[in-house]
Amino acid sequence: MEVTCYEPALLLDIGRRCPSLATDLLQRRSEEWMGLDVVAYSALHGARLAGARAVHLHPTQLSPEVVGVVRSAGIEVHSWEVDDGCRLEMIEKLGIPKFDTDELVVALTYRESLGG
């Protein structure tokens, strides 16, 4: 079981009260002005502030560089709103092990196409 939230302070408190629960930072969608360098900085430091095990990034926030920066700090990267084949392919290429989707049939069909 994991708890995801946008608010680092709330996750930190939950982690202190329930240390057996995994807490993950849910990164908000980026503002138009934000480059991927800002996304990486925000995700990394937000997750550190939260004491989070992982940060959940939207597919528009993913790049090899962003994922590398976050992982280099020992924080897992997950994704959310992975609702089509292109996004599924991207997270597979980036080695992202967990994701959220509103299109379960699409995700299962994609998995079957990989032979798994």
C-alpha atoms as a PDB file:
ATOM      1  CA  MET A   1       0.000   0.000   0.000  1.00  0.00           C
ATOM      2  CA  GLU A   2       1.227   3.479  -0.788  1.00  0.00           C
ATOM      3  CA  VAL A   3       0.015   6.964  -0.029  1.00  0.00           C
ATOM      4  CA  THR A   4       0.411   9.600  -2.735  1.00  0.00           C
ATOM      5  CA  CYS A   5      -0.113  13.300  -2.225  1.00  0.00           C
ATOM      6  CA  TYR A   6       0.869  16.650  -3.744  1.00  0.00           C
ATOM      7  CA  GLU A   7       1.868  18.098  -0.358  1.00  0.00           C
ATOM      8  CA  PRO A   8       5.326  17.194   0.995  1.00  0.00           C
ATOM      9  CA  ALA A   9       4.502  18.263   4.569  1.00  0.00           C
ATOM     10  CA  LEU A  10       1.460  15.998   4.705  1.00  0.00           C
ATOM     11  CA  LEU A  11       3.460  13.044   3.363  1.00  0.00           C
ATOM     12  CA  LEU A  12       6.193  13.673   5.910  1.00  0.00           C
ATOM     13  CA  ASP A  13       3.632  13.631   8.732  1.00  0.00           C
ATOM     14  CA  ILE A  14       1.995  10.449   7.423  1.00  0.00           C
ATOM     15  CA  GLY A  15       5.393   8.802   7.135  1.00  0.00           C
ATOM     16  CA  ARG A  16       6.195   9.681  10.746  1.00  0.00           C
ATOM     17  CA  ARG A  17       2.832   8.410  12.025  1.00  0.00           C
ATOM     18  CA  CYS A  18       2.729   5.273   9.843  1.00  0.00           C
ATOM     19  CA  PRO A  19       6.316   4.309   9.026  1.00  0.00           C
ATOM     20  CA  SER A  20       5.266   1.025   7.412  1.00  0.00           C
ATOM     21  CA  LEU A  21       3.385   2.873   4.645  1.00  0.00           C
ATOM     22  CA  ALA A  22       5.196   3.915   1.488  1.00  0.00           C
ATOM     23  CA  THR A  23       4.760   7.616   0.823  1.00  0.00           C
ATOM     24  CA  ASP A  24       5.136   8.975  -2.702  1.00  0.00           C
ATOM     25  CA  LEU A  25       5.069  12.566  -3.893  1.00  0.00           C
ATOM     26  CA  LEU A  26       2.586  13.214  -6.680  1.00  0.00           C
ATOM     27  CA  GLN A  27       4.170  15.955  -8.798  1.00  0.00           C
ATOM     28  CA  ARG A  28       1.668  18.482 -10.116  1.00  0.00           C
ATOM     29  CA  ARG A  29       1.521  19.191 -13.828  1.00  0.00           C
ATOM     30  CA  SER A  30       4.154  21.690 -14.868  1.00  0.00           C
ATOM     31  CA  GLU A  31       3.397  25.297 -15.629  1.00  0.00           C
ATOM     32  CA  GLU A  32       4.043  26.320 -19.248  1.00  0.00           C
ATOM     33  CA  TRP A  33       7.173  28.277 -18.321  1.00  0.00           C
ATOM     34  CA  MET A  34       8.807  25.320 -16.561  1.00  0.00           C
ATOM     35  CA  GLY A  35      11.595  23.556 -18.381  1.00  0.00           C
ATOM     36  CA  LEU A  36      12.578  20.002 -17.574  1.00  0.00           C
ATOM     37  CA  ASP A  37      15.427  21.327 -15.412  1.00  0.00           C
ATOM     38  CA  VAL A  38      12.841  22.989 -13.159  1.00  0.00           C
ATOM     39  CA  VAL A  39      10.783  19.784 -13.117  1.00  0.00           C
ATOM     40  CA  ALA A  40      13.825  17.750 -12.052  1.00  0.00           C
ATOM     41  CA  TYR A  41      14.711  20.238  -9.313  1.00  0.00           C
ATOM     42  CA  SER A  42      11.150  20.450  -8.022  1.00  0.00           C
ATOM     43  CA  ALA A  43      10.590  16.677  -8.083  1.00  0.00           C
ATOM     44  CA  LEU A  44      13.884  15.906  -6.390  1.00  0.00           C
ATOM     45  CA  HIS A  45      13.608  18.482  -3.621  1.00  0.00           C
ATOM     46  CA  GLY A  46       9.881  17.948  -3.085  1.00  0.00           C
ATOM     47  CA  ALA A  47      10.465  14.217  -2.650  1.00  0.00           C
ATOM     48  CA  ARG A  48      13.346  14.883  -0.250  1.00  0.00           C
ATOM     49  CA  LEU A  49      11.212  17.271   1.813  1.00  0.00           C
ATOM     50  CA  ALA A  50       8.441  14.677   1.944  1.00  0.00           C
ATOM     51  CA  GLY A  51      10.741  11.820   2.876  1.00  0.00           C
ATOM     52  CA  ALA A  52       9.128  10.099  -0.113  1.00  0.00           C
ATOM     53  CA  ARG A  53      10.127   6.744  -1.501  1.00  0.00           C
ATOM     54  CA  ALA A  54       9.122   7.820  -5.024  1.00  0.00           C
ATOM     55  CA  VAL A  55       7.903  10.738  -7.071  1.00  0.00           C
ATOM     56  CA  HIS A  56       5.071  10.302  -9.577  1.00  0.00           C
ATOM     57  CA  LEU A  57       5.663  12.392 -12.703  1.00  0.00           C
ATOM     58  CA  HIS A  58       3.278  13.143 -15.540  1.00  0.00           C
ATOM     59  CA  PRO A  59       4.492  11.828 -18.927  1.00  0.00           C
ATOM     60  CA  THR A  60       5.048  15.420 -20.110  1.00  0.00           C
ATOM     61  CA  GLN A  61       7.600  15.768 -17.302  1.00  0.00           C
ATOM     62  CA  LEU A  62       9.612  12.703 -18.218  1.00  0.00           C
ATOM     63  CA  SER A  63      12.962  12.646 -19.951  1.00  0.00           C
ATOM     64  CA  PRO A  64      16.081  10.541 -19.451  1.00  0.00           C
ATOM     65  CA  GLU A  65      17.699  13.535 -17.730  1.00  0.00           C
ATOM     66  CA  VAL A  66      14.829  14.151 -15.280  1.00  0.00           C
ATOM     67  CA  VAL A  67      14.577  10.462 -14.416  1.00  0.00           C
ATOM     68  CA  GLY A  68      18.365  10.262 -14.002  1.00  0.00           C
ATOM     69  CA  VAL A  69      18.511  13.244 -11.633  1.00  0.00           C
ATOM     70  CA  VAL A  70      15.768  11.850  -9.403  1.00  0.00           C
ATOM     71  CA  ARG A  71      17.124   8.303  -9.415  1.00  0.00           C
ATOM     72  CA  SER A  72      20.647   9.498  -8.650  1.00  0.00           C
ATOM     73  CA  ALA A  73      19.306  10.650  -5.286  1.00  0.00           C
ATOM     74  CA  GLY A  74      17.913   7.185  -4.537  1.00  0.00           C
ATOM     75  CA  ILE A  75      14.306   8.158  -5.238  1.00  0.00           C
ATOM     76  CA  GLU A  76      12.126   5.970  -7.431  1.00  0.00           C
ATOM     77  CA  VAL A  77      10.256   7.426 -10.406  1.00  0.00           C
ATOM     78  CA  HIS A  78       6.690   6.396 -11.176  1.00  0.00           C
ATOM     79  CA  SER A  79       4.231   7.989 -13.596  1.00  0.00           C
ATOM     80  CA  TRP A  80       0.564   8.920 -13.771  1.00  0.00           C
ATOM     81  CA  GLU A  81      -1.975   9.431 -16.556  1.00  0.00           C
ATOM     82  CA  VAL A  82      -0.270   6.855 -18.767  1.00  0.00           C
ATOM     83  CA  ASP A  83      -3.301   6.362 -20.992  1.00  0.00           C
ATOM     84  CA  ASP A  84      -2.020   5.533 -24.486  1.00  0.00           C
ATOM     85  CA  GLY A  85       0.518   3.422 -26.321  1.00  0.00           C
ATOM     86  CA  CYS A  86       3.012   6.258 -26.816  1.00  0.00           C
ATOM     87  CA  ARG A  87       3.137   6.978 -23.102  1.00  0.00           C
ATOM     88  CA  LEU A  88       3.377   3.278 -22.261  1.00  0.00           C
ATOM     89  CA  GLU A  89       6.304   2.944 -24.662  1.00  0.00           C
ATOM     90  CA  MET A  90       8.013   5.976 -23.103  1.00  0.00           C
ATOM     91  CA  ILE A  91       7.795   4.684 -19.541  1.00  0.00           C
ATOM     92  CA  GLU A  92       8.999   1.283 -20.684  1.00  0.00           C
ATOM     93  CA  LYS A  93      12.057   2.847 -22.358  1.00  0.00           C
ATOM     94  CA  LEU A  94      12.775   4.872 -19.216  1.00  0.00           C
ATOM     95  CA  GLY A  95      12.453   1.785 -17.015  1.00  0.00           C
ATOM     96  CA  ILE A  96       9.619   3.188 -14.927  1.00  0.00           C
ATOM     97  CA  PRO A  97       8.207   0.222 -13.003  1.00  0.00           C
ATOM     98  CA  LYS A  98       4.878   1.616 -11.761  1.00  0.00           C
ATOM     99  CA  PHE A  99       2.262   3.865 -13.313  1.00  0.00           C
ATOM    100  CA  ASP A 100      -1.368   4.915 -13.039  1.00  0.00           C
ATOM    101  CA  THR A 101      -3.772   4.707 -15.959  1.00  0.00           C
ATOM    102  CA  ASP A 102      -7.428   5.322 -16.687  1.00  0.00           C
ATOM    103  CA  GLU A 103      -7.168   2.974 -19.693  1.00  0.00           C
ATOM    104  CA  LEU A 104      -6.605  -0.477 -18.245  1.00  0.00           C
ATOM    105  CA  VAL A 105      -7.523  -2.291 -21.463  1.00  0.00           C
ATOM    106  CA  VAL A 106      -4.947  -0.243 -23.406  1.00  0.00           C
ATOM    107  CA  ALA A 107      -2.274  -1.030 -20.795  1.00  0.00           C
ATOM    108  CA  LEU A 108      -3.071  -4.744 -20.752  1.00  0.00           C
ATOM    109  CA  THR A 109      -3.106  -4.918 -24.551  1.00  0.00           C
ATOM    110  CA  TYR A 110       0.277  -3.172 -24.637  1.00  0.00           C
ATOM    111  CA  ARG A 111       1.672  -5.627 -22.077  1.00  0.00           C
ATOM    112  CA  GLU A 112       0.411  -8.560 -24.139  1.00  0.00           C
ATOM    113  CA  SER A 113       2.107  -7.131 -27.231  1.00  0.00           C
ATOM    114  CA  LEU A 114       5.410  -7.328 -25.323  1.00  0.00           C
ATOM    115  CA  GLY A 115       4.840 -10.991 -24.620  1.00  0.00           C
ATOM    116  CA  GLY A 116       4.088 -10.546 -20.928  1.00  0.00           C
END
